[in-house]
Amino acid sequence: MKAKTIEEIIKKNNAIGHHFFDKETIDFFKSKTHYKAFYGKGGVFFITSEQFVGSTHTGKRLYSVREAKEDGKVGTADGTEFQQFTNEADAKVAATQLANGIEVAI
């Protein structure tokens, strides 16, 4: 069964011993997992945002579309790039398209 919620995605990822949702990983990338999973014939997708914080510079928060695989693995969705989106609305459009089996134009 495919995960349909963020909670299910986290549980499956943790169950295989991966660290995508570990506190240390989240803190390092200043990552936020957005609340909604996008589920459809194209797969299961969700949005994260990350922000670089250095000693002299803080970058803009950028958004990535992630894919949750059936086996619990999580990664940047095929056809998109890490931190590709400058706002959540564009990332949501891409996640919706991917969930519906529509290729995202970069």
PDB file of N, CA and C in Angstrom:
ATOM      1  N   MET A   1       0.834  -1.196   0.000  1.00  0.00           N
ATOM      2  CA  MET A   1       0.000   0.000   0.000  1.00  0.00           C
ATOM      3  C   MET A   1       0.870   1.248   0.000  1.00  0.00           C
ATOM      4  N   LYS A   2       0.517   2.192  -0.854  1.00  0.00           N
ATOM      5  CA  LYS A   2       1.253   3.448  -0.907  1.00  0.00           C
ATOM      6  C   LYS A   2       0.852   4.341   0.258  1.00  0.00           C
ATOM      7  N   ALA A   3       1.842   5.043   0.794  1.00  0.00           N
ATOM      8  CA  ALA A   3       1.565   6.026   1.845  1.00  0.00           C
ATOM      9  C   ALA A   3       0.749   7.158   1.230  1.00  0.00           C
ATOM     10  N   LYS A   4      -0.240   7.633   1.970  1.00  0.00           N
ATOM     11  CA  LYS A   4      -1.090   8.706   1.458  1.00  0.00           C
ATOM     12  C   LYS A   4      -1.020   9.965   2.316  1.00  0.00           C
ATOM     13  N   THR A   5      -0.325   9.884   3.440  1.00  0.00           N
ATOM     14  CA  THR A   5      -0.192  11.053   4.302  1.00  0.00           C
ATOM     15  C   THR A   5       1.284  11.257   4.641  1.00  0.00           C
ATOM     16  N   ILE A   6       1.618  12.443   5.084  1.00  0.00           N
ATOM     17  CA  ILE A   6       2.989  12.728   5.504  1.00  0.00           C
ATOM     18  C   ILE A   6       3.382  11.799   6.653  1.00  0.00           C
ATOM     19  N   GLU A   7       2.470  11.565   7.566  1.00  0.00           N
ATOM     20  CA  GLU A   7       2.765  10.694   8.697  1.00  0.00           C
ATOM     21  C   GLU A   7       3.115   9.279   8.239  1.00  0.00           C
ATOM     22  N   GLU A   8       2.380   8.760   7.253  1.00  0.00           N
ATOM     23  CA  GLU A   8       2.671   7.434   6.712  1.00  0.00           C
ATOM     24  C   GLU A   8       4.011   7.409   5.986  1.00  0.00           C
ATOM     25  N   ILE A   9       4.321   8.483   5.275  1.00  0.00           N
ATOM     26  CA  ILE A   9       5.603   8.580   4.567  1.00  0.00           C
ATOM     27  C   ILE A   9       6.751   8.553   5.579  1.00  0.00           C
ATOM     28  N   ILE A  10       6.622   9.333   6.632  1.00  0.00           N
ATOM     29  CA  ILE A  10       7.660   9.378   7.677  1.00  0.00           C
ATOM     30  C   ILE A  10       7.829   8.002   8.311  1.00  0.00           C
ATOM     31  N   LYS A  11       6.730   7.360   8.628  1.00  0.00           N
ATOM     32  CA  LYS A  11       6.781   6.047   9.274  1.00  0.00           C
ATOM     33  C   LYS A  11       7.484   5.020   8.382  1.00  0.00           C
ATOM     34  N   LYS A  12       7.157   5.000   7.093  1.00  0.00           N
ATOM     35  CA  LYS A  12       7.784   4.046   6.168  1.00  0.00           C
ATOM     36  C   LYS A  12       9.272   4.339   6.007  1.00  0.00           C
ATOM     37  N   ASN A  13       9.648   5.607   5.925  1.00  0.00           N
ATOM     38  CA  ASN A  13      11.050   5.988   5.772  1.00  0.00           C
ATOM     39  C   ASN A  13      11.846   5.590   7.006  1.00  0.00           C
ATOM     40  N   ASN A  14      11.308   5.847   8.165  1.00  0.00           N
ATOM     41  CA  ASN A  14      11.967   5.463   9.420  1.00  0.00           C
ATOM     42  C   ASN A  14      12.088   3.943   9.545  1.00  0.00           C
ATOM     43  N   ALA A  15      11.066   3.215   9.083  1.00  0.00           N
ATOM     44  CA  ALA A  15      11.049   1.760   9.217  1.00  0.00           C
ATOM     45  C   ALA A  15      12.174   1.083   8.438  1.00  0.00           C
ATOM     46  N   ILE A  16      12.645   1.722   7.368  1.00  0.00           N
ATOM     47  CA  ILE A  16      13.742   1.126   6.596  1.00  0.00           C
ATOM     48  C   ILE A  16      15.106   1.666   7.041  1.00  0.00           C
ATOM     49  N   GLY A  17      15.092   2.440   8.124  1.00  0.00           N
ATOM     50  CA  GLY A  17      16.347   2.919   8.691  1.00  0.00           C
ATOM     51  C   GLY A  17      16.937   4.136   8.003  1.00  0.00           C
ATOM     52  N   HIS A  18      16.144   4.847   7.220  1.00  0.00           N
ATOM     53  CA  HIS A  18      16.644   6.053   6.555  1.00  0.00           C
ATOM     54  C   HIS A  18      16.493   7.264   7.479  1.00  0.00           C
ATOM     55  N   HIS A  19      17.157   8.336   7.130  1.00  0.00           N
ATOM     56  CA  HIS A  19      17.282   9.475   8.043  1.00  0.00           C
ATOM     57  C   HIS A  19      16.726  10.789   7.482  1.00  0.00           C
ATOM     58  N   PHE A  20      15.907  10.704   6.435  1.00  0.00           N
ATOM     59  CA  PHE A  20      15.382  11.915   5.803  1.00  0.00           C
ATOM     60  C   PHE A  20      14.646  12.800   6.805  1.00  0.00           C
ATOM     61  N   PHE A  21      13.920  12.203   7.733  1.00  0.00           N
ATOM     62  CA  PHE A  21      13.082  12.957   8.664  1.00  0.00           C
ATOM     63  C   PHE A  21      13.690  13.078  10.062  1.00  0.00           C
ATOM     64  N   ASP A  22      14.943  12.654  10.228  1.00  0.00           N
ATOM     65  CA  ASP A  22      15.608  12.781  11.530  1.00  0.00           C
ATOM     66  C   ASP A  22      15.782  14.252  11.902  1.00  0.00           C
ATOM     67  N   LYS A  23      15.694  14.545  13.176  1.00  0.00           N
ATOM     68  CA  LYS A  23      15.847  15.913  13.676  1.00  0.00           C
ATOM     69  C   LYS A  23      17.174  16.524  13.226  1.00  0.00           C
ATOM     70  N   GLU A  24      18.244  15.755  13.250  1.00  0.00           N
ATOM     71  CA  GLU A  24      19.560  16.268  12.861  1.00  0.00           C
ATOM     72  C   GLU A  24      19.579  16.683  11.386  1.00  0.00           C
ATOM     73  N   THR A  25      18.952  15.887  10.539  1.00  0.00           N
ATOM     74  CA  THR A  25      18.874  16.200   9.110  1.00  0.00           C
ATOM     75  C   THR A  25      18.043  17.456   8.895  1.00  0.00           C
ATOM     76  N   ILE A  26      16.905  17.513   9.542  1.00  0.00           N
ATOM     77  CA  ILE A  26      16.009  18.673   9.422  1.00  0.00           C
ATOM     78  C   ILE A  26      16.712  19.938   9.905  1.00  0.00           C
ATOM     79  N   ASP A  27      17.391  19.855  11.032  1.00  0.00           N
ATOM     80  CA  ASP A  27      18.098  21.022  11.578  1.00  0.00           C
ATOM     81  C   ASP A  27      19.221  21.478  10.654  1.00  0.00           C
ATOM     82  N   PHE A  28      19.980  20.534  10.090  1.00  0.00           N
ATOM     83  CA  PHE A  28      21.106  20.880   9.228  1.00  0.00           C
ATOM     84  C   PHE A  28      20.648  21.677   8.012  1.00  0.00           C
ATOM     85  N   PHE A  29      19.563  21.243   7.375  1.00  0.00           N
ATOM     86  CA  PHE A  29      19.069  21.901   6.169  1.00  0.00           C
ATOM     87  C   PHE A  29      18.049  22.998   6.463  1.00  0.00           C
ATOM     88  N   LYS A  30      17.729  23.219   7.743  1.00  0.00           N
ATOM     89  CA  LYS A  30      16.651  24.149   8.115  1.00  0.00           C
ATOM     90  C   LYS A  30      15.399  23.780   7.309  1.00  0.00           C
ATOM     91  N   SER A  31      15.124  22.489   7.275  1.00  0.00           N
ATOM     92  CA  SER A  31      14.082  21.925   6.433  1.00  0.00           C
ATOM     93  C   SER A  31      12.717  21.960   7.116  1.00  0.00           C
ATOM     94  N   LYS A  32      11.693  22.159   6.290  1.00  0.00           N
ATOM     95  CA  LYS A  32      10.305  22.053   6.733  1.00  0.00           C
ATOM     96  C   LYS A  32       9.598  21.116   5.767  1.00  0.00           C
ATOM     97  N   THR A  33       8.859  20.175   6.318  1.00  0.00           N
ATOM     98  CA  THR A  33       8.038  19.298   5.496  1.00  0.00           C
ATOM     99  C   THR A  33       6.638  19.869   5.498  1.00  0.00           C
ATOM    100  N   HIS A  34       6.121  20.147   4.325  1.00  0.00           N
ATOM    101  CA  HIS A  34       4.803  20.747   4.234  1.00  0.00           C
ATOM    102  C   HIS A  34       3.730  19.672   4.409  1.00  0.00           C
ATOM    103  N   TYR A  35       2.614  20.057   4.914  1.00  0.00           N
ATOM    104  CA  TYR A  35       1.617  19.178   5.524  1.00  0.00           C
ATOM    105  C   TYR A  35       0.898  18.213   4.591  1.00  0.00           C
ATOM    106  N   LYS A  36       0.876  18.448   3.302  1.00  0.00           N
ATOM    107  CA  LYS A  36       0.018  17.659   2.416  1.00  0.00           C
ATOM    108  C   LYS A  36       0.827  16.738   1.514  1.00  0.00           C
ATOM    109  N   ALA A  37       0.358  15.501   1.375  1.00  0.00           N
ATOM    110  CA  ALA A  37       0.899  14.579   0.386  1.00  0.00           C
ATOM    111  C   ALA A  37       0.005  14.655  -0.852  1.00  0.00           C
ATOM    112  N   PHE A  38       0.618  14.591  -2.015  1.00  0.00           N
ATOM    113  CA  PHE A  38      -0.095  14.626  -3.288  1.00  0.00           C
ATOM    114  C   PHE A  38      -0.034  13.205  -3.851  1.00  0.00           C
ATOM    115  N   TYR A  39      -1.180  12.539  -3.964  1.00  0.00           N
ATOM    116  CA  TYR A  39      -1.252  11.125  -4.273  1.00  0.00           C
ATOM    117  C   TYR A  39      -2.084  10.923  -5.532  1.00  0.00           C
ATOM    118  N   GLY A  40      -1.563  10.130  -6.468  1.00  0.00           N
ATOM    119  CA  GLY A  40      -2.320   9.827  -7.676  1.00  0.00           C
ATOM    120  C   GLY A  40      -1.635   8.743  -8.475  1.00  0.00           C
ATOM    121  N   LYS A  41      -2.083   8.569  -9.720  1.00  0.00           N
ATOM    122  CA  LYS A  41      -1.547   7.497 -10.564  1.00  0.00           C
ATOM    123  C   LYS A  41      -0.058   7.677 -10.841  1.00  0.00           C
ATOM    124  N   GLY A  42       0.450   8.903 -10.698  1.00  0.00           N
ATOM    125  CA  GLY A  42       1.870   9.169 -10.933  1.00  0.00           C
ATOM    126  C   GLY A  42       2.752   8.857  -9.739  1.00  0.00           C
ATOM    127  N   GLY A  43       2.147   8.637  -8.559  1.00  0.00           N
ATOM    128  CA  GLY A  43       2.920   8.334  -7.365  1.00  0.00           C
ATOM    129  C   GLY A  43       2.514   9.207  -6.198  1.00  0.00           C
ATOM    130  N   VAL A  44       3.393   9.261  -5.208  1.00  0.00           N
ATOM    131  CA  VAL A  44       3.140  10.033  -3.987  1.00  0.00           C
ATOM    132  C   VAL A  44       4.230  11.081  -3.855  1.00  0.00           C
ATOM    133  N   PHE A  45       3.831  12.337  -3.730  1.00  0.00           N
ATOM    134  CA  PHE A  45       4.758  13.459  -3.694  1.00  0.00           C
ATOM    135  C   PHE A  45       4.417  14.377  -2.523  1.00  0.00           C
ATOM    136  N   PHE A  46       5.407  15.115  -2.082  1.00  0.00           N
ATOM    137  CA  PHE A  46       5.199  16.112  -1.042  1.00  0.00           C
ATOM    138  C   PHE A  46       6.243  17.206  -1.217  1.00  0.00           C
ATOM    139  N   ILE A  47       6.097  18.254  -0.453  1.00  0.00           N
ATOM    140  CA  ILE A  47       6.963  19.428  -0.591  1.00  0.00           C
ATOM    141  C   ILE A  47       7.785  19.617   0.672  1.00  0.00           C
ATOM    142  N   THR A  48       9.056  19.936   0.465  1.00  0.00           N
ATOM    143  CA  THR A  48       9.889  20.399   1.570  1.00  0.00           C
ATOM    144  C   THR A  48      10.427  21.768   1.193  1.00  0.00           C
ATOM    145  N   SER A  49      10.834  22.509   2.201  1.00  0.00           N
ATOM    146  CA  SER A  49      11.554  23.758   1.943  1.00  0.00           C
ATOM    147  C   SER A  49      12.808  23.739   2.799  1.00  0.00           C
ATOM    148  N   GLU A  50      13.852  24.345   2.259  1.00  0.00           N
ATOM    149  CA  GLU A  50      15.140  24.383   2.922  1.00  0.00           C
ATOM    150  C   GLU A  50      15.683  25.812   2.858  1.00  0.00           C
ATOM    151  N   GLN A  51      16.522  26.130   3.836  1.00  0.00           N
ATOM    152  CA  GLN A  51      17.098  27.472   3.877  1.00  0.00           C
ATOM    153  C   GLN A  51      18.536  27.377   4.363  1.00  0.00           C
ATOM    154  N   PHE A  52      19.456  27.928   3.569  1.00  0.00           N
ATOM    155  CA  PHE A  52      20.851  27.966   3.978  1.00  0.00           C
ATOM    156  C   PHE A  52      21.046  29.067   5.010  1.00  0.00           C
ATOM    157  N   VAL A  53      21.681  28.710   6.121  1.00  0.00           N
ATOM    158  CA  VAL A  53      22.023  29.694   7.138  1.00  0.00           C
ATOM    159  C   VAL A  53      23.508  29.520   7.441  1.00  0.00           C
ATOM    160  N   GLY A  54      24.288  30.522   7.054  1.00  0.00           N
ATOM    161  CA  GLY A  54      25.721  30.499   7.313  1.00  0.00           C
ATOM    162  C   GLY A  54      26.086  31.503   8.391  1.00  0.00           C
ATOM    163  N   SER A  55      27.379  31.626   8.632  1.00  0.00           N
ATOM    164  CA  SER A  55      27.824  32.546   9.682  1.00  0.00           C
ATOM    165  C   SER A  55      27.645  34.011   9.284  1.00  0.00           C
ATOM    166  N   THR A  56      27.662  34.298   7.975  1.00  0.00           N
ATOM    167  CA  THR A  56      27.529  35.686   7.527  1.00  0.00           C
ATOM    168  C   THR A  56      26.395  35.900   6.531  1.00  0.00           C
ATOM    169  N   HIS A  57      25.691  34.832   6.191  1.00  0.00           N
ATOM    170  CA  HIS A  57      24.659  34.950   5.150  1.00  0.00           C
ATOM    171  C   HIS A  57      23.517  33.981   5.430  1.00  0.00           C
ATOM    172  N   THR A  58      22.301  34.464   5.267  1.00  0.00           N
ATOM    173  CA  THR A  58      21.121  33.603   5.321  1.00  0.00           C
ATOM    174  C   THR A  58      20.445  33.676   3.965  1.00  0.00           C
ATOM    175  N   GLY A  59      20.300  32.516   3.333  1.00  0.00           N
ATOM    176  CA  GLY A  59      19.686  32.462   2.018  1.00  0.00           C
ATOM    177  C   GLY A  59      18.171  32.474   2.098  1.00  0.00           C
ATOM    178  N   LYS A  60      17.570  32.624   0.948  1.00  0.00           N
ATOM    179  CA  LYS A  60      16.119  32.604   0.835  1.00  0.00           C
ATOM    180  C   LYS A  60      15.624  31.160   0.994  1.00  0.00           C
ATOM    181  N   ARG A  61      14.486  30.974   1.608  1.00  0.00           N
ATOM    182  CA  ARG A  61      13.872  29.645   1.719  1.00  0.00           C
ATOM    183  C   ARG A  61      13.410  29.232   0.323  1.00  0.00           C
ATOM    184  N   LEU A  62      13.829  28.035  -0.098  1.00  0.00           N
ATOM    185  CA  LEU A  62      13.467  27.501  -1.406  1.00  0.00           C
ATOM    186  C   LEU A  62      12.750  26.174  -1.235  1.00  0.00           C
ATOM    187  N   TYR A  63      12.023  25.742  -2.254  1.00  0.00           N
ATOM    188  CA  TYR A  63      11.113  24.613  -2.154  1.00  0.00           C
ATOM    189  C   TYR A  63      11.510  23.490  -3.114  1.00  0.00           C
ATOM    190  N   SER A  64      11.338  22.257  -2.636  1.00  0.00           N
ATOM    191  CA  SER A  64      11.647  21.062  -3.421  1.00  0.00           C
ATOM    192  C   SER A  64      10.426  20.146  -3.428  1.00  0.00           C
ATOM    193  N   VAL A  65      10.231  19.455  -4.554  1.00  0.00           N
ATOM    194  CA  VAL A  65       9.189  18.431  -4.623  1.00  0.00           C
ATOM    195  C   VAL A  65       9.870  17.089  -4.398  1.00  0.00           C
ATOM    196  N   ARG A  66       9.358  16.334  -3.449  1.00  0.00           N
ATOM    197  CA  ARG A  66       9.932  15.037  -3.077  1.00  0.00           C
ATOM    198  C   ARG A  66       8.979  13.920  -3.467  1.00  0.00           C
ATOM    199  N   GLU A  67       9.554  12.765  -3.752  1.00  0.00           N
ATOM    200  CA  GLU A  67       8.752  11.589  -4.066  1.00  0.00           C
ATOM    201  C   GLU A  67       8.955  10.539  -2.990  1.00  0.00           C
ATOM    202  N   ALA A  68       7.860   9.978  -2.516  1.00  0.00           N
ATOM    203  CA  ALA A  68       7.897   8.884  -1.549  1.00  0.00           C
ATOM    204  C   ALA A  68       7.690   7.588  -2.322  1.00  0.00           C
ATOM    205  N   LYS A  69       8.706   6.761  -2.321  1.00  0.00           N
ATOM    206  CA  LYS A  69       8.631   5.481  -3.037  1.00  0.00           C
ATOM    207  C   LYS A  69       7.898   4.443  -2.196  1.00  0.00           C
ATOM    208  N   GLU A  70       7.406   3.433  -2.852  1.00  0.00           N
ATOM    209  CA  GLU A  70       6.660   2.357  -2.197  1.00  0.00           C
ATOM    210  C   GLU A  70       7.473   1.675  -1.103  1.00  0.00           C
ATOM    211  N   ASP A  71       8.809   1.585  -1.320  1.00  0.00           N
ATOM    212  CA  ASP A  71       9.673   0.889  -0.356  1.00  0.00           C
ATOM    213  C   ASP A  71      10.066   1.751   0.843  1.00  0.00           C
ATOM    214  N   GLY A  72       9.594   3.013   0.882  1.00  0.00           N
ATOM    215  CA  GLY A  72       9.905   3.905   2.000  1.00  0.00           C
ATOM    216  C   GLY A  72      10.987   4.919   1.699  1.00  0.00           C
ATOM    217  N   LYS A  73      11.688   4.744   0.579  1.00  0.00           N
ATOM    218  CA  LYS A  73      12.733   5.707   0.224  1.00  0.00           C
ATOM    219  C   LYS A  73      12.100   7.032  -0.191  1.00  0.00           C
ATOM    220  N   VAL A  74      12.831   8.110   0.067  1.00  0.00           N
ATOM    221  CA  VAL A  74      12.376   9.455  -0.266  1.00  0.00           C
ATOM    222  C   VAL A  74      13.507  10.162  -0.991  1.00  0.00           C
ATOM    223  N   GLY A  75      13.163  10.913  -2.032  1.00  0.00           N
ATOM    224  CA  GLY A  75      14.167  11.696  -2.745  1.00  0.00           C
ATOM    225  C   GLY A  75      13.520  12.811  -3.530  1.00  0.00           C
ATOM    226  N   THR A  76      14.346  13.624  -4.161  1.00  0.00           N
ATOM    227  CA  THR A  76      13.833  14.682  -5.024  1.00  0.00           C
ATOM    228  C   THR A  76      13.125  14.016  -6.198  1.00  0.00           C
ATOM    229  N   ALA A  77      11.947  14.502  -6.523  1.00  0.00           N
ATOM    230  CA  ALA A  77      11.135  13.892  -7.574  1.00  0.00           C
ATOM    231  C   ALA A  77      11.843  13.960  -8.916  1.00  0.00           C
ATOM    232  N   ASP A  78      11.768  12.855  -9.670  1.00  0.00           N
ATOM    233  CA  ASP A  78      12.306  12.830 -11.031  1.00  0.00           C
ATOM    234  C   ASP A  78      11.649  13.939 -11.838  1.00  0.00           C
ATOM    235  N   GLY A  79      12.438  14.629 -12.635  1.00  0.00           N
ATOM    236  CA  GLY A  79      11.912  15.722 -13.450  1.00  0.00           C
ATOM    237  C   GLY A  79      11.948  17.059 -12.747  1.00  0.00           C
ATOM    238  N   THR A  80      12.400  17.069 -11.477  1.00  0.00           N
ATOM    239  CA  THR A  80      12.563  18.329 -10.745  1.00  0.00           C
ATOM    240  C   THR A  80      13.965  18.362 -10.150  1.00  0.00           C
ATOM    241  N   GLU A  81      14.326  19.512  -9.645  1.00  0.00           N
ATOM    242  CA  GLU A  81      15.632  19.686  -9.023  1.00  0.00           C
ATOM    243  C   GLU A  81      15.474  20.118  -7.572  1.00  0.00           C
ATOM    244  N   PHE A  82      16.475  19.801  -6.769  1.00  0.00           N
ATOM    245  CA  PHE A  82      16.510  20.232  -5.373  1.00  0.00           C
ATOM    246  C   PHE A  82      16.426  21.754  -5.322  1.00  0.00           C
ATOM    247  N   GLN A  83      15.519  22.276  -4.512  1.00  0.00           N
ATOM    248  CA  GLN A  83      15.297  23.713  -4.320  1.00  0.00           C
ATOM    249  C   GLN A  83      14.981  24.443  -5.632  1.00  0.00           C
ATOM    250  N   GLN A  84      14.275  23.776  -6.506  1.00  0.00           N
ATOM    251  CA  GLN A  84      13.940  24.351  -7.811  1.00  0.00           C
ATOM    252  C   GLN A  84      12.966  25.518  -7.718  1.00  0.00           C
ATOM    253  N   PHE A  85      12.103  25.507  -6.712  1.00  0.00           N
ATOM    254  CA  PHE A  85      10.994  26.451  -6.683  1.00  0.00           C
ATOM    255  C   PHE A  85      11.226  27.565  -5.667  1.00  0.00           C
ATOM    256  N   THR A  86      10.889  28.780  -6.069  1.00  0.00           N
ATOM    257  CA  THR A  86      11.094  29.939  -5.193  1.00  0.00           C
ATOM    258  C   THR A  86       9.886  30.213  -4.307  1.00  0.00           C
ATOM    259  N   ASN A  87       8.778  29.501  -4.563  1.00  0.00           N
ATOM    260  CA  ASN A  87       7.603  29.680  -3.705  1.00  0.00           C
ATOM    261  C   ASN A  87       6.819  28.376  -3.607  1.00  0.00           C
ATOM    262  N   GLU A  88       6.052  28.273  -2.549  1.00  0.00           N
ATOM    263  CA  GLU A  88       5.294  27.053  -2.275  1.00  0.00           C
ATOM    264  C   GLU A  88       4.221  26.805  -3.325  1.00  0.00           C
ATOM    265  N   ALA A  89       3.610  27.854  -3.841  1.00  0.00           N
ATOM    266  CA  ALA A  89       2.533  27.692  -4.824  1.00  0.00           C
ATOM    267  C   ALA A  89       3.025  26.968  -6.075  1.00  0.00           C
ATOM    268  N   ASP A  90       4.192  27.336  -6.586  1.00  0.00           N
ATOM    269  CA  ASP A  90       4.734  26.672  -7.776  1.00  0.00           C
ATOM    270  C   ASP A  90       5.102  25.218  -7.474  1.00  0.00           C
ATOM    271  N   ALA A  91       5.618  24.969  -6.281  1.00  0.00           N
ATOM    272  CA  ALA A  91       5.945  23.600  -5.888  1.00  0.00           C
ATOM    273  C   ALA A  91       4.676  22.753  -5.799  1.00  0.00           C
ATOM    274  N   LYS A  92       3.582  23.326  -5.302  1.00  0.00           N
ATOM    275  CA  LYS A  92       2.313  22.608  -5.214  1.00  0.00           C
ATOM    276  C   LYS A  92       1.788  22.243  -6.604  1.00  0.00           C
ATOM    277  N   VAL A  93       1.917  23.164  -7.536  1.00  0.00           N
ATOM    278  CA  VAL A  93       1.483  22.879  -8.911  1.00  0.00           C
ATOM    279  C   VAL A  93       2.278  21.702  -9.458  1.00  0.00           C
ATOM    280  N   ALA A  94       3.594  21.731  -9.277  1.00  0.00           N
ATOM    281  CA  ALA A  94       4.445  20.646  -9.779  1.00  0.00           C
ATOM    282  C   ALA A  94       4.106  19.317  -9.099  1.00  0.00           C
ATOM    283  N   ALA A  95       3.914  19.325  -7.786  1.00  0.00           N
ATOM    284  CA  ALA A  95       3.581  18.095  -7.062  1.00  0.00           C
ATOM    285  C   ALA A  95       2.243  17.531  -7.531  1.00  0.00           C
ATOM    286  N   THR A  96       1.288  18.398  -7.773  1.00  0.00           N
ATOM    287  CA  THR A  96      -0.022  17.973  -8.270  1.00  0.00           C
ATOM    288  C   THR A  96       0.109  17.364  -9.656  1.00  0.00           C
ATOM    289  N   GLN A  97       0.880  18.015 -10.528  1.00  0.00           N
ATOM    290  CA  GLN A  97       1.079  17.490 -11.878  1.00  0.00           C
ATOM    291  C   GLN A  97       1.733  16.114 -11.834  1.00  0.00           C
ATOM    292  N   LEU A  98       2.790  15.980 -11.047  1.00  0.00           N
ATOM    293  CA  LEU A  98       3.481  14.701 -10.955  1.00  0.00           C
ATOM    294  C   LEU A  98       2.562  13.612 -10.411  1.00  0.00           C
ATOM    295  N   ALA A  99       1.776  13.923  -9.402  1.00  0.00           N
ATOM    296  CA  ALA A  99       0.847  12.940  -8.847  1.00  0.00           C
ATOM    297  C   ALA A  99      -0.170  12.489  -9.886  1.00  0.00           C
ATOM    298  N   ASN A 100      -0.497  13.383 -10.801  1.00  0.00           N
ATOM    299  CA  ASN A 100      -1.458  13.056 -11.860  1.00  0.00           C
ATOM    300  C   ASN A 100      -0.791  12.476 -13.104  1.00  0.00           C
ATOM    301  N   GLY A 101       0.522  12.216 -13.015  1.00  0.00           N
ATOM    302  CA  GLY A 101       1.233  11.611 -14.129  1.00  0.00           C
ATOM    303  C   GLY A 101       1.607  12.568 -15.233  1.00  0.00           C
ATOM    304  N   ILE A 102       1.640  13.870 -14.915  1.00  0.00           N
ATOM    305  CA  ILE A 102       1.973  14.895 -15.907  1.00  0.00           C
ATOM    306  C   ILE A 102       3.414  15.336 -15.681  1.00  0.00           C
ATOM    307  N   GLU A 103       4.208  15.343 -16.744  1.00  0.00           N
ATOM    308  CA  GLU A 103       5.607  15.765 -16.653  1.00  0.00           C
ATOM    309  C   GLU A 103       5.669  17.260 -16.344  1.00  0.00           C
ATOM    310  N   VAL A 104       6.586  17.622 -15.469  1.00  0.00           N
ATOM    311  CA  VAL A 104       6.761  19.023 -15.095  1.00  0.00           C
ATOM    312  C   VAL A 104       7.771  19.658 -16.042  1.00  0.00           C
ATOM    313  N   ALA A 105       7.401  20.799 -16.619  1.00  0.00           N
ATOM    314  CA  ALA A 105       8.331  21.538 -17.483  1.00  0.00           C
ATOM    315  C   ALA A 105       9.224  22.403 -16.621  1.00  0.00           C
ATOM    316  N   ILE A 106      10.525  22.190 -16.728  1.00  0.00           N
ATOM    317  CA  ILE A 106      11.485  22.964 -15.910  1.00  0.00           C
ATOM    318  C   ILE A 106      11.771  24.275 -16.595  1.00  0.00           C
TER     319      ILE A 106
END
